[in-house]
C-alpha atoms as a PDB file:
ATOM      1  CA  MET A   1     -25.647   7.519  23.510  1.00  0.00           C
ATOM      2  CA  THR A   2     -23.228   5.312  21.619  1.00  0.00           C
ATOM      3  CA  VAL A   3     -19.820   4.106  22.746  1.00  0.00           C
ATOM      4  CA  PHE A   4     -17.336   3.162  20.029  1.00  0.00           C
ATOM      5  CA  HIS A   5     -14.547   0.659  20.480  1.00  0.00           C
ATOM      6  CA  SER A   6     -11.402   0.507  18.341  1.00  0.00           C
ATOM      7  CA  TYR A   7      -9.010  -2.347  17.616  1.00  0.00           C
ATOM      8  CA  SER A   8      -5.787  -2.911  15.716  1.00  0.00           C
ATOM      9  CA  LEU A   9      -6.567  -4.389  12.315  1.00  0.00           C
ATOM     10  CA  SER A  10      -2.883  -4.909  11.633  1.00  0.00           C
ATOM     11  CA  GLN A  11      -2.388  -6.863  14.866  1.00  0.00           C
ATOM     12  CA  HIS A  12      -5.457  -8.998  14.146  1.00  0.00           C
ATOM     13  CA  LEU A  13      -4.064  -9.937  10.738  1.00  0.00           C
ATOM     14  CA  HIS A  14      -0.626 -10.689  12.155  1.00  0.00           C
ATOM     15  CA  ASP A  15      -2.213 -13.302  14.429  1.00  0.00           C
ATOM     16  CA  HIS A  16      -3.235 -15.199  11.292  1.00  0.00           C
ATOM     17  CA  VAL A  17       0.096 -14.642   9.555  1.00  0.00           C
ATOM     18  CA  ILE A  18       1.998 -16.347  12.374  1.00  0.00           C
ATOM     19  CA  LYS A  19      -0.130 -19.491  12.010  1.00  0.00           C
ATOM     20  CA  ILE A  20       0.675 -19.935   8.314  1.00  0.00           C
ATOM     21  CA  GLN A  21       4.061 -21.281   7.266  1.00  0.00           C
ATOM     22  CA  MET A  22       4.362 -21.625   3.526  1.00  0.00           C
ATOM     23  CA  LEU A  23       7.978 -20.582   2.997  1.00  0.00           C
ATOM     24  CA  GLY A  24      11.017 -22.484   4.126  1.00  0.00           C
ATOM     25  CA  ASN A  25      12.834 -19.314   5.123  1.00  0.00           C
ATOM     26  CA  GLY A  26      11.083 -18.040   8.233  1.00  0.00           C
ATOM     27  CA  LEU A  27      12.878 -14.694   8.148  1.00  0.00           C
ATOM     28  CA  MET A  28      11.687 -14.134   4.605  1.00  0.00           C
ATOM     29  CA  LEU A  29       8.098 -14.881   5.635  1.00  0.00           C
ATOM     30  CA  ILE A  30       8.234 -12.360   8.481  1.00  0.00           C
ATOM     31  CA  THR A  31       9.720  -9.745   6.176  1.00  0.00           C
ATOM     32  CA  ILE A  32       7.056 -10.203   3.526  1.00  0.00           C
ATOM     33  CA  ALA A  33       4.271 -10.206   6.096  1.00  0.00           C
ATOM     34  CA  GLY A  34       5.691  -6.964   7.435  1.00  0.00           C
ATOM     35  CA  SER A  35       5.090  -5.238   4.107  1.00  0.00           C
ATOM     36  CA  GLN A  36       1.353  -5.441   4.767  1.00  0.00           C
ATOM     37  CA  ASP A  37       1.901  -2.857   7.515  1.00  0.00           C
ATOM     38  CA  HIS A  38       3.149  -0.436   4.853  1.00  0.00           C
ATOM     39  CA  VAL A  39       0.011  -1.060   2.806  1.00  0.00           C
ATOM     40  CA  ILE A  40      -2.363  -0.843   5.795  1.00  0.00           C
ATOM     41  CA  THR A  41      -0.743   2.316   7.168  1.00  0.00           C
ATOM     42  CA  PHE A  42      -0.841   4.216   3.888  1.00  0.00           C
ATOM     43  CA  CYS A  43      -4.334   3.055   3.008  1.00  0.00           C
ATOM     44  CA  THR A  44      -5.857   4.109   6.322  1.00  0.00           C
ATOM     45  CA  PHE A  45      -3.860   7.368   6.404  1.00  0.00           C
ATOM     46  CA  SER A  46      -4.853   8.942   3.124  1.00  0.00           C
ATOM     47  CA  LEU A  47      -6.695   6.807   0.583  1.00  0.00           C
ATOM     48  CA  HIS A  48     -10.183   7.595   1.837  1.00  0.00           C
ATOM     49  CA  ARG A  49     -11.419   7.545  -1.751  1.00  0.00           C
ATOM     50  CA  LEU A  50     -10.606   3.866  -2.117  1.00  0.00           C
ATOM     51  CA  ALA A  51     -12.900   3.412   0.861  1.00  0.00           C
ATOM     52  CA  HIS A  52     -12.231  -0.257   1.500  1.00  0.00           C
ATOM     53  CA  CYS A  53      -8.768  -0.767   3.000  1.00  0.00           C
ATOM     54  CA  ILE A  54      -9.817  -4.223   4.199  1.00  0.00           C
ATOM     55  CA  PHE A  55      -9.896  -5.353   0.562  1.00  0.00           C
ATOM     56  CA  ILE A  56      -6.271  -4.325   0.144  1.00  0.00           C
ATOM     57  CA  VAL A  57      -5.297  -6.124   3.352  1.00  0.00           C
ATOM     58  CA  ILE A  58      -7.054  -9.312   2.247  1.00  0.00           C
ATOM     59  CA  ALA A  59      -5.388  -9.009  -1.152  1.00  0.00           C
ATOM     60  CA  VAL A  60      -1.994  -8.872   0.550  1.00  0.00           C
ATOM     61  CA  LEU A  61      -2.687 -12.089   2.417  1.00  0.00           C
ATOM     62  CA  LEU A  62      -4.008 -13.823  -0.690  1.00  0.00           C
ATOM     63  CA  LEU A  63      -0.952 -12.888  -2.708  1.00  0.00           C
ATOM     64  CA  PHE A  64       1.400 -13.801   0.115  1.00  0.00           C
ATOM     65  CA  PHE A  65       0.014 -17.203   0.920  1.00  0.00           C
ATOM     66  CA  GLN A  66      -1.738 -18.209  -2.326  1.00  0.00           C
ATOM     67  CA  ILE A  67      -4.936 -19.180  -0.513  1.00  0.00           C
ATOM     68  CA  VAL A  68      -8.114 -19.187  -2.601  1.00  0.00           C
ATOM     69  CA  TYR A  69     -10.685 -17.831  -0.201  1.00  0.00           C
ATOM     70  CA  LEU A  70     -14.379 -17.991  -1.044  1.00  0.00           C
ATOM     71  CA  PHE A  71     -14.182 -14.267  -0.436  1.00  0.00           C
ATOM     72  CA  LEU A  72     -12.512 -13.976  -3.848  1.00  0.00           C
ATOM     73  CA  ARG A  73     -15.939 -14.378  -5.424  1.00  0.00           C
ATOM     74  CA  HIS A  74     -16.970 -10.908  -4.385  1.00  0.00           C
ATOM     75  CA  VAL A  75     -13.986  -8.847  -3.260  1.00  0.00           C
ATOM     76  CA  ILE A  76     -12.921  -5.854  -5.277  1.00  0.00           C
ATOM     77  CA  LEU A  77     -10.075  -7.784  -6.874  1.00  0.00           C
ATOM     78  CA  ILE A  78     -12.474  -9.838  -8.974  1.00  0.00           C
ATOM     79  CA  SER A  79     -13.272  -6.762 -11.060  1.00  0.00           C
ATOM     80  CA  GLY A  80     -10.720  -5.148 -13.316  1.00  0.00           C
ATOM     81  CA  SER A  81     -11.294  -1.687 -11.846  1.00  0.00           C
ATOM     82  CA  ARG A  82      -8.834   1.103 -11.156  1.00  0.00           C
ATOM     83  CA  GLU A  83      -9.016   0.184  -7.450  1.00  0.00           C
ATOM     84  CA  ALA A  84      -7.777  -3.287  -8.325  1.00  0.00           C
ATOM     85  CA  ALA A  85      -5.017  -1.683 -10.408  1.00  0.00           C
ATOM     86  CA  PHE A  86      -3.869   0.375  -7.424  1.00  0.00           C
ATOM     87  CA  THR A  87      -4.060  -2.656  -5.134  1.00  0.00           C
ATOM     88  CA  TYR A  88      -1.818  -4.832  -7.300  1.00  0.00           C
ATOM     89  CA  ALA A  89       0.677  -2.021  -7.867  1.00  0.00           C
ATOM     90  CA  ILE A  90       1.078  -1.110  -4.204  1.00  0.00           C
ATOM     91  CA  ILE A  91       1.356  -4.758  -3.117  1.00  0.00           C
ATOM     92  CA  ALA A  92       4.072  -5.518  -5.698  1.00  0.00           C
ATOM     93  CA  ALA A  93       5.930  -2.355  -4.712  1.00  0.00           C
ATOM     94  CA  GLY A  94       5.408  -3.114  -1.014  1.00  0.00           C
ATOM     95  CA  VAL A  95       6.983  -6.556  -1.254  1.00  0.00           C
ATOM     96  CA  ALA A  96       9.969  -5.186  -3.199  1.00  0.00           C
ATOM     97  CA  HIS A  97      10.344  -2.337  -0.693  1.00  0.00           C
ATOM     98  CA  ALA A  98      10.174  -4.619   2.365  1.00  0.00           C
ATOM     99  CA  ILE A  99      12.639  -7.180   0.999  1.00  0.00           C
ATOM    100  CA  THR A 100      15.105  -4.504  -0.134  1.00  0.00           C
ATOM    101  CA  ALA A 101      14.945  -2.791   3.263  1.00  0.00           C
ATOM    102  CA  ALA A 102      15.531  -6.095   5.058  1.00  0.00           C
ATOM    103  CA  CYS A 103      18.552  -6.816   2.852  1.00  0.00           C
ATOM    104  CA  THR A 104      20.029  -3.389   3.584  1.00  0.00           C
ATOM    105  CA  GLN A 105      19.522  -3.852   7.328  1.00  0.00           C
ATOM    106  CA  GLY A 106      21.203  -7.262   7.251  1.00  0.00           C
ATOM    107  CA  ASN A 107      18.078  -9.106   8.346  1.00  0.00           C
ATOM    108  CA  LEU A 108      18.239 -11.697   5.550  1.00  0.00           C
ATOM    109  CA  SER A 109      21.163 -14.054   5.064  1.00  0.00           C
ATOM    110  CA  ASN A 110      20.941 -14.414   1.280  1.00  0.00           C
ATOM    111  CA  CYS A 111      21.200 -10.729   0.346  1.00  0.00           C
ATOM    112  CA  GLY A 112      22.782  -7.498   1.531  1.00  0.00           C
ATOM    113  CA  CYS A 113      24.069  -4.235   0.077  1.00  0.00           C
ATOM    114  CA  ASP A 114      24.283  -3.667  -3.677  1.00  0.00           C
ATOM    115  CA  LYS A 115      27.738  -5.032  -4.544  1.00  0.00           C
ATOM    116  CA  GLU A 116      27.858  -3.158  -7.847  1.00  0.00           C
ATOM    117  CA  LYS A 117      27.694   0.166  -6.012  1.00  0.00           C
ATOM    118  CA  GLN A 118      30.866  -0.184  -3.971  1.00  0.00           C
ATOM    119  CA  GLY A 119      34.158   1.654  -4.492  1.00  0.00           C
ATOM    120  CA  GLN A 120      33.592   2.969  -8.025  1.00  0.00           C
ATOM    121  CA  TYR A 121      34.736   6.582  -8.442  1.00  0.00           C
ATOM    122  CA  HIS A 122      32.731   9.063 -10.525  1.00  0.00           C
ATOM    123  CA  LYS A 123      35.488  11.533 -11.398  1.00  0.00           C
ATOM    124  CA  ASP A 124      33.329  13.989 -13.351  1.00  0.00           C
ATOM    125  CA  GLU A 125      30.847  14.302 -10.499  1.00  0.00           C
ATOM    126  CA  GLY A 126      33.439  14.161  -7.738  1.00  0.00           C
ATOM    127  CA  TRP A 127      32.133  11.293  -5.654  1.00  0.00           C
ATOM    128  CA  LYS A 128      32.460   7.542  -5.251  1.00  0.00           C
ATOM    129  CA  TRP A 129      30.177   4.764  -4.118  1.00  0.00           C
ATOM    130  CA  GLY A 130      30.368   4.016  -0.408  1.00  0.00           C
ATOM    131  CA  GLY A 131      28.207   2.990   2.498  1.00  0.00           C
ATOM    132  CA  CYS A 132      25.467   0.427   1.916  1.00  0.00           C
ATOM    133  CA  SER A 133      23.403   0.992  -1.206  1.00  0.00           C
ATOM    134  CA  ALA A 134      19.978  -0.621  -1.243  1.00  0.00           C
ATOM    135  CA  ASP A 135      19.924  -3.626  -3.579  1.00  0.00           C
ATOM    136  CA  ILE A 136      16.648  -2.711  -5.263  1.00  0.00           C
ATOM    137  CA  ARG A 137      17.220  -5.249  -8.048  1.00  0.00           C
ATOM    138  CA  TYR A 138      17.111  -8.092  -5.546  1.00  0.00           C
ATOM    139  CA  GLY A 139      13.879  -6.793  -4.021  1.00  0.00           C
ATOM    140  CA  ILE A 140      12.276  -6.331  -7.413  1.00  0.00           C
ATOM    141  CA  GLY A 141      13.402  -9.769  -8.569  1.00  0.00           C
ATOM    142  CA  PHE A 142      11.916 -11.367  -5.476  1.00  0.00           C
ATOM    143  CA  SER A 143       8.663  -9.463  -5.945  1.00  0.00           C
ATOM    144  CA  LYS A 144       8.414 -10.670  -9.542  1.00  0.00           C
ATOM    145  CA  VAL A 145       8.823 -14.306  -8.537  1.00  0.00           C
ATOM    146  CA  PHE A 146       6.606 -14.107  -5.480  1.00  0.00           C
ATOM    147  CA  VAL A 147       3.786 -11.756  -6.503  1.00  0.00           C
ATOM    148  CA  ASP A 148       3.543 -12.645 -10.195  1.00  0.00           C
ATOM    149  CA  ALA A 149       3.512 -16.403  -9.569  1.00  0.00           C
ATOM    150  CA  ARG A 150      -0.274 -16.633  -9.231  1.00  0.00           C
ATOM    151  CA  GLU A 151      -0.905 -15.027 -12.645  1.00  0.00           C
ATOM    152  CA  ILE A 152      -0.931 -18.187 -14.729  1.00  0.00           C
ATOM    153  CA  LYS A 153      -3.968 -17.663 -16.962  1.00  0.00           C
ATOM    154  CA  GLN A 154      -3.486 -16.015 -20.333  1.00  0.00           C
ATOM    155  CA  ASN A 155      -6.400 -13.593 -20.332  1.00  0.00           C
ATOM    156  CA  ALA A 156      -7.029  -9.859 -20.203  1.00  0.00           C
ATOM    157  CA  ARG A 157      -7.183  -9.725 -16.424  1.00  0.00           C
ATOM    158  CA  THR A 158      -3.837 -11.486 -16.080  1.00  0.00           C
ATOM    159  CA  LEU A 159      -2.244  -9.016 -18.499  1.00  0.00           C
ATOM    160  CA  MET A 160      -3.731  -6.177 -16.463  1.00  0.00           C
ATOM    161  CA  ASN A 161      -2.480  -7.573 -13.154  1.00  0.00           C
ATOM    162  CA  LEU A 162       1.035  -8.201 -14.454  1.00  0.00           C
ATOM    163  CA  HIS A 163       1.216  -4.721 -15.967  1.00  0.00           C
ATOM    164  CA  ASN A 164       0.175  -3.082 -12.681  1.00  0.00           C
ATOM    165  CA  ASN A 165       2.577  -5.266 -10.688  1.00  0.00           C
ATOM    166  CA  GLU A 166       5.422  -4.150 -12.921  1.00  0.00           C
ATOM    167  CA  ALA A 167       4.279  -0.516 -12.832  1.00  0.00           C
ATOM    168  CA  GLY A 168       4.402  -0.512  -9.036  1.00  0.00           C
ATOM    169  CA  ARG A 169       7.913  -1.958  -9.007  1.00  0.00           C
ATOM    170  CA  LYS A 170       9.159   0.390 -11.731  1.00  0.00           C
ATOM    171  CA  ILE A 171       7.798   3.444  -9.921  1.00  0.00           C
ATOM    172  CA  LEU A 172       9.632   2.283  -6.797  1.00  0.00           C
ATOM    173  CA  GLU A 173      12.881   1.843  -8.736  1.00  0.00           C
ATOM    174  CA  GLU A 174      12.566   5.257 -10.405  1.00  0.00           C
ATOM    175  CA  ASN A 175      12.168   6.956  -7.035  1.00  0.00           C
ATOM    176  CA  MET A 176      15.274   5.568  -5.348  1.00  0.00           C
ATOM    177  CA  LYS A 177      17.256   8.341  -3.651  1.00  0.00           C
ATOM    178  CA  LEU A 178      20.970   9.168  -3.686  1.00  0.00           C
ATOM    179  CA  GLU A 179      22.432  10.220  -0.331  1.00  0.00           C
ATOM    180  CA  CYS A 180      25.975  11.522   0.088  1.00  0.00           C
ATOM    181  CA  LYS A 181      28.427  12.354   2.880  1.00  0.00           C
ATOM    182  CA  CYS A 182      31.412  14.699   2.692  1.00  0.00           C
ATOM    183  CA  HIS A 183      34.859  13.842   4.033  1.00  0.00           C
ATOM    184  CA  GLY A 184      37.716  16.253   4.629  1.00  0.00           C
ATOM    185  CA  VAL A 185      39.646  18.414   7.095  1.00  0.00           C
ATOM    186  CA  SER A 186      37.650  21.000   9.089  1.00  0.00           C
ATOM    187  CA  GLY A 187      34.381  20.175   7.397  1.00  0.00           C
ATOM    188  CA  SER A 188      35.677  20.496   3.839  1.00  0.00           C
ATOM    189  CA  CYS A 189      34.333  18.218   1.137  1.00  0.00           C
ATOM    190  CA  THR A 190      37.591  16.851  -0.253  1.00  0.00           C
ATOM    191  CA  THR A 191      35.958  13.544  -1.034  1.00  0.00           C
ATOM    192  CA  LYS A 192      32.350  12.503  -1.091  1.00  0.00           C
ATOM    193  CA  THR A 193      30.817   9.050  -0.789  1.00  0.00           C
ATOM    194  CA  CYS A 194      27.278   8.299  -1.909  1.00  0.00           C
ATOM    195  CA  TRP A 195      24.808   5.439  -1.677  1.00  0.00           C
ATOM    196  CA  THR A 196      21.256   4.713  -2.782  1.00  0.00           C
ATOM    197  CA  THR A 197      18.360   4.524  -0.334  1.00  0.00           C
ATOM    198  CA  LEU A 198      14.722   3.536  -0.555  1.00  0.00           C
ATOM    199  CA  PRO A 199      12.059   6.243  -0.636  1.00  0.00           C
ATOM    200  CA  LYS A 200       9.700   6.303   2.321  1.00  0.00           C
ATOM    201  CA  PHE A 201       6.786   4.033   1.589  1.00  0.00           C
ATOM    202  CA  ARG A 202       4.317   6.838   2.190  1.00  0.00           C
ATOM    203  CA  GLU A 203       6.029   8.909  -0.512  1.00  0.00           C
ATOM    204  CA  LEU A 204       5.722   5.984  -2.887  1.00  0.00           C
ATOM    205  CA  GLY A 205       2.078   5.628  -1.896  1.00  0.00           C
ATOM    206  CA  TYR A 206       1.316   9.219  -2.814  1.00  0.00           C
ATOM    207  CA  ILE A 207       2.878   8.705  -6.225  1.00  0.00           C
ATOM    208  CA  LEU A 208       0.759   5.599  -6.741  1.00  0.00           C
ATOM    209  CA  LYS A 209      -2.293   7.541  -5.584  1.00  0.00           C
ATOM    210  CA  ASP A 210      -1.652  10.081  -8.349  1.00  0.00           C
ATOM    211  CA  LYS A 211      -1.245   7.207 -10.797  1.00  0.00           C
ATOM    212  CA  TYR A 212      -4.574   5.827  -9.553  1.00  0.00           C
ATOM    213  CA  ASN A 213      -6.238   9.168 -10.309  1.00  0.00           C
ATOM    214  CA  GLU A 214      -4.718   9.114 -13.806  1.00  0.00           C
ATOM    215  CA  ALA A 215      -5.276   5.395 -14.490  1.00  0.00           C
ATOM    216  CA  VAL A 216      -5.774   4.455 -18.134  1.00  0.00           C
ATOM    217  CA  GLN A 217      -8.593   2.242 -19.381  1.00  0.00           C
ATOM    218  CA  VAL A 218      -7.329  -0.485 -21.698  1.00  0.00           C
ATOM    219  CA  GLU A 219      -8.661  -3.395 -23.706  1.00  0.00           C
ATOM    220  CA  PRO A 220      -7.056  -6.658 -24.850  1.00  0.00           C
ATOM    221  CA  VAL A 221      -5.749  -7.209 -28.363  1.00  0.00           C
ATOM    222  CA  ARG A 222      -5.850 -10.686 -29.907  1.00  0.00           C
ATOM    223  CA  ALA A 223      -3.767 -11.943 -32.810  1.00  0.00           C
ATOM    224  CA  SER A 224      -6.917 -13.543 -34.225  1.00  0.00           C
ATOM    225  CA  ARG A 225     -10.521 -14.003 -33.132  1.00  0.00           C
ATOM    226  CA  ASN A 226     -10.023 -17.383 -31.458  1.00  0.00           C
ATOM    227  CA  LYS A 227      -6.646 -16.704 -29.851  1.00  0.00           C
ATOM    228  CA  ARG A 228      -5.895 -15.474 -26.368  1.00  0.00           C
ATOM    229  CA  PRO A 229      -5.055 -11.787 -25.846  1.00  0.00           C
ATOM    230  CA  THR A 230      -1.416 -10.924 -26.407  1.00  0.00           C
ATOM    231  CA  PHE A 231      -1.210  -7.332 -25.139  1.00  0.00           C
ATOM    232  CA  LEU A 232      -3.262  -4.404 -23.839  1.00  0.00           C
ATOM    233  CA  LYS A 233      -3.939  -1.172 -25.705  1.00  0.00           C
ATOM    234  CA  ILE A 234      -5.479   2.103 -24.611  1.00  0.00           C
ATOM    235  CA  LYS A 235      -9.228   1.935 -25.129  1.00  0.00           C
ATOM    236  CA  LYS A 236      -9.721   4.404 -27.955  1.00  0.00           C
ATOM    237  CA  PRO A 237     -11.233   3.839 -31.409  1.00  0.00           C
ATOM    238  CA  LEU A 238      -8.706   3.128 -34.162  1.00  0.00           C
ATOM    239  CA  SER A 239      -5.810   3.275 -31.728  1.00  0.00           C
ATOM    240  CA  TYR A 240      -3.280   0.572 -30.917  1.00  0.00           C
ATOM    241  CA  ARG A 241      -1.137   2.651 -28.580  1.00  0.00           C
ATOM    242  CA  LYS A 242       0.070   0.755 -25.539  1.00  0.00           C
ATOM    243  CA  PRO A 243       0.015   2.301 -22.065  1.00  0.00           C
ATOM    244  CA  MET A 244       3.227   3.619 -20.520  1.00  0.00           C
ATOM    245  CA  ASP A 245       5.208   1.244 -18.316  1.00  0.00           C
ATOM    246  CA  THR A 246       4.373   3.303 -15.227  1.00  0.00           C
ATOM    247  CA  ASP A 247       0.673   3.782 -16.018  1.00  0.00           C
ATOM    248  CA  LEU A 248      -1.861   1.982 -13.873  1.00  0.00           C
ATOM    249  CA  VAL A 249      -4.373   0.296 -16.162  1.00  0.00           C
ATOM    250  CA  TYR A 250      -7.898  -1.036 -15.738  1.00  0.00           C
ATOM    251  CA  ILE A 251     -10.347  -2.813 -18.012  1.00  0.00           C
ATOM    252  CA  GLU A 252     -13.660  -2.182 -16.222  1.00  0.00           C
ATOM    253  CA  LYS A 253     -15.211   0.929 -14.739  1.00  0.00           C
ATOM    254  CA  SER A 254     -15.392   1.060 -10.952  1.00  0.00           C
ATOM    255  CA  PRO A 255     -18.597  -0.120  -9.260  1.00  0.00           C
ATOM    256  CA  ASN A 256     -20.740   2.261  -7.219  1.00  0.00           C
ATOM    257  CA  TYR A 257     -19.146   2.170  -3.786  1.00  0.00           C
ATOM    258  CA  CYS A 258     -21.925   4.250  -2.230  1.00  0.00           C
ATOM    259  CA  GLU A 259     -24.331   1.311  -2.133  1.00  0.00           C
ATOM    260  CA  GLU A 260     -23.877  -2.247  -0.908  1.00  0.00           C
ATOM    261  CA  ASP A 261     -23.479  -4.720  -3.755  1.00  0.00           C
ATOM    262  CA  PRO A 262     -22.479  -8.337  -2.983  1.00  0.00           C
ATOM    263  CA  MET A 263     -21.764  -8.973  -6.669  1.00  0.00           C
ATOM    264  CA  THR A 264     -18.962  -6.404  -6.810  1.00  0.00           C
ATOM    265  CA  GLY A 265     -17.867  -6.676  -3.194  1.00  0.00           C
ATOM    266  CA  SER A 266     -18.886  -3.115  -2.324  1.00  0.00           C
ATOM    267  CA  VAL A 267     -19.979  -2.849   1.317  1.00  0.00           C
ATOM    268  CA  GLY A 268     -21.389   0.639   0.790  1.00  0.00           C
ATOM    269  CA  THR A 269     -20.795   3.626   3.029  1.00  0.00           C
ATOM    270  CA  GLN A 270     -23.774   3.249   5.352  1.00  0.00           C
ATOM    271  CA  GLY A 271     -22.510   3.362   8.941  1.00  0.00           C
ATOM    272  CA  ARG A 272     -19.074   4.650   7.919  1.00  0.00           C
ATOM    273  CA  MET A 273     -17.523   7.254  10.219  1.00  0.00           C
ATOM    274  CA  CYS A 274     -17.000  10.618   8.527  1.00  0.00           C
ATOM    275  CA  ASN A 275     -15.710  14.113   9.246  1.00  0.00           C
ATOM    276  CA  LYS A 276     -18.490  16.688   9.517  1.00  0.00           C
ATOM    277  CA  THR A 277     -16.379  19.686   8.535  1.00  0.00           C
ATOM    278  CA  ALA A 278     -13.869  18.186   6.093  1.00  0.00           C
ATOM    279  CA  GLN A 279     -14.150  18.993   2.400  1.00  0.00           C
ATOM    280  CA  GLN A 280     -11.928  16.078   1.393  1.00  0.00           C
ATOM    281  CA  THR A 281     -13.079  12.587   0.494  1.00  0.00           C
ATOM    282  CA  ASN A 282     -13.464  11.638   4.162  1.00  0.00           C
ATOM    283  CA  GLY A 283     -15.973  14.448   4.699  1.00  0.00           C
ATOM    284  CA  CYS A 284     -19.576  13.502   5.396  1.00  0.00           C
ATOM    285  CA  ASP A 285     -20.873  15.219   2.248  1.00  0.00           C
ATOM    286  CA  LEU A 286     -18.781  13.005  -0.030  1.00  0.00           C
ATOM    287  CA  MET A 287     -18.468   9.879   2.106  1.00  0.00           C
ATOM    288  CA  CYS A 288     -22.231   9.621   2.646  1.00  0.00           C
ATOM    289  CA  CYS A 289     -23.014  10.192  -1.049  1.00  0.00           C
ATOM    290  CA  GLY A 290     -25.568  12.880  -0.256  1.00  0.00           C
ATOM    291  CA  ARG A 291     -27.673  10.676   2.060  1.00  0.00           C
ATOM    292  CA  GLY A 292     -26.840  12.668   5.200  1.00  0.00           C
ATOM    293  CA  TYR A 293     -25.314  11.484   8.462  1.00  0.00           C
ATOM    294  CA  ASN A 294     -26.203  10.528  12.024  1.00  0.00           C
ATOM    295  CA  THR A 295     -24.694  12.216  15.072  1.00  0.00           C
ATOM    296  CA  HIS A 296     -23.626  10.067  18.030  1.00  0.00           C
ATOM    297  CA  GLN A 297     -22.541  11.478  21.370  1.00  0.00           C
ATOM    298  CA  TYR A 298     -20.540   9.671  23.991  1.00  0.00           C
ATOM    299  CA  SER A 299     -18.817  10.789  27.152  1.00  0.00           C
ATOM    300  CA  ARG A 300     -15.750   9.607  29.028  1.00  0.00           C
ATOM    301  CA  VAL A 301     -15.356  10.089  32.780  1.00  0.00           C
ATOM    302  CA  TRP A 302     -12.094   9.597  34.678  1.00  0.00           C
ATOM    303  CA  GLN A 303     -10.287  10.666  37.828  1.00  0.00           C
ATOM    304  CA  CYS A 304      -7.808  13.483  37.282  1.00  0.00           C
ATOM    305  CA  ASN A 305      -5.576  15.977  39.101  1.00  0.00           C
ATOM    306  CA  CYS A 306      -4.933  13.463  41.869  1.00  0.00           C
ATOM    307  CA  LYS A 307      -2.921  14.638  44.900  1.00  0.00           C
ATOM    308  CA  PHE A 308      -1.527  12.832  47.892  1.00  0.00           C
ATOM    309  CA  HIS A 309      -2.494  14.314  51.280  1.00  0.00           C
ATOM    310  CA  TRP A 310      -0.683  13.651  54.572  1.00  0.00           C
ATOM    311  CA  CYS A 311      -1.659  11.362  56.036  1.00  0.00           C
ATOM    312  CA  CYS A 312      -2.670   9.285  54.181  1.00  0.00           C
ATOM    313  CA  TYR A 313      -5.076   9.540  51.312  1.00  0.00           C
ATOM    314  CA  VAL A 314      -5.306  10.582  47.674  1.00  0.00           C
ATOM    315  CA  LYS A 315      -7.863  13.132  46.558  1.00  0.00           C
ATOM    316  CA  CYS A 316      -8.867  13.403  42.900  1.00  0.00           C
ATOM    317  CA  ASN A 317     -11.128  15.535  40.789  1.00  0.00           C
ATOM    318  CA  THR A 318     -13.602  14.050  38.334  1.00  0.00           C
ATOM    319  CA  CYS A 319     -12.995  14.990  34.724  1.00  0.00           C
ATOM    320  CA  SER A 320     -15.260  14.312  31.783  1.00  0.00           C
ATOM    321  CA  GLU A 321     -15.164  14.745  28.044  1.00  0.00           C
ATOM    322  CA  ARG A 322     -18.014  14.737  25.544  1.00  0.00           C
ATOM    323  CA  THR A 323     -17.316  13.808  21.950  1.00  0.00           C
ATOM    324  CA  GLU A 324     -19.456  13.666  18.824  1.00  0.00           C
ATOM    325  CA  VAL A 325     -19.008  11.038  16.134  1.00  0.00           C
ATOM    326  CA  TYR A 326     -20.720  11.154  12.749  1.00  0.00           C
ATOM    327  CA  THR A 327     -21.734   8.136  10.668  1.00  0.00           C
ATOM    328  CA  CYS A 328     -23.310   7.937   7.235  1.00  0.00           C
ATOM    329  CA  LYS A 329     -27.028   7.204   6.952  1.00  0.00           C
END
């Protein structure tokens, strides 16, 4: 019989975040660190196929604090795979999303609502700007400076990373929402004010997940044999077509995540918890890569249905629950 314990990965990481002070503006640091919660939450909620959410979390910390861990030798980010493409895109979008949200909420002193979306009247459409529009340009600008800063080498991987960073931010910008409110006597809509809002991060994550599924393999193009690569093109013979701005791109095929491989950073799926009946990617058939699964049983016993009796004692029943957990062989 096996007993399983759970812990908060997000809380564990926050303990390390608090100890590191690399930005002069403490509020900005807290805001950026908070964007990792968006990444962690979405990753653990739905991206079972990516399998290794811890890699994304570590990538967030590396990008945030510019620390070169020895772990970089073998984490997934060292390969130019489609998983790395997704990771860079969602981190860049996550930083822009978190900063923009903080500006809108008034949590940062050096930004606020979008000043260009205030008071202008759109006569043809019958509404004017009002409320507090999210200043997405500020968030995107900050993300560019902060996330792109570590990409200093002029090589194919740098071009790939920068493209995916920009794709994540552009997808965020393209999915901003317009919300409106009517004003008038007795519920009429004599005038209408509108403002822009951020999409929910989970919605953005699903869009990026689709982009991950449709990621495009690319290769670098050099001006001459001895020069550094200048741009990326779709990897097809006799083609120099560039990928779309919102495409996620990768330069190497993904490693085999079923088996442990220290060279690629894959920890394999042995011992991973899976769902016995699910047909999705978290199901045992797919998660365990056809190797089968182990069944663990554990029970929980507690006092229940307690009643106070006069006078003076409490009488309880004993309740128990048996649960099965499945892990990959």
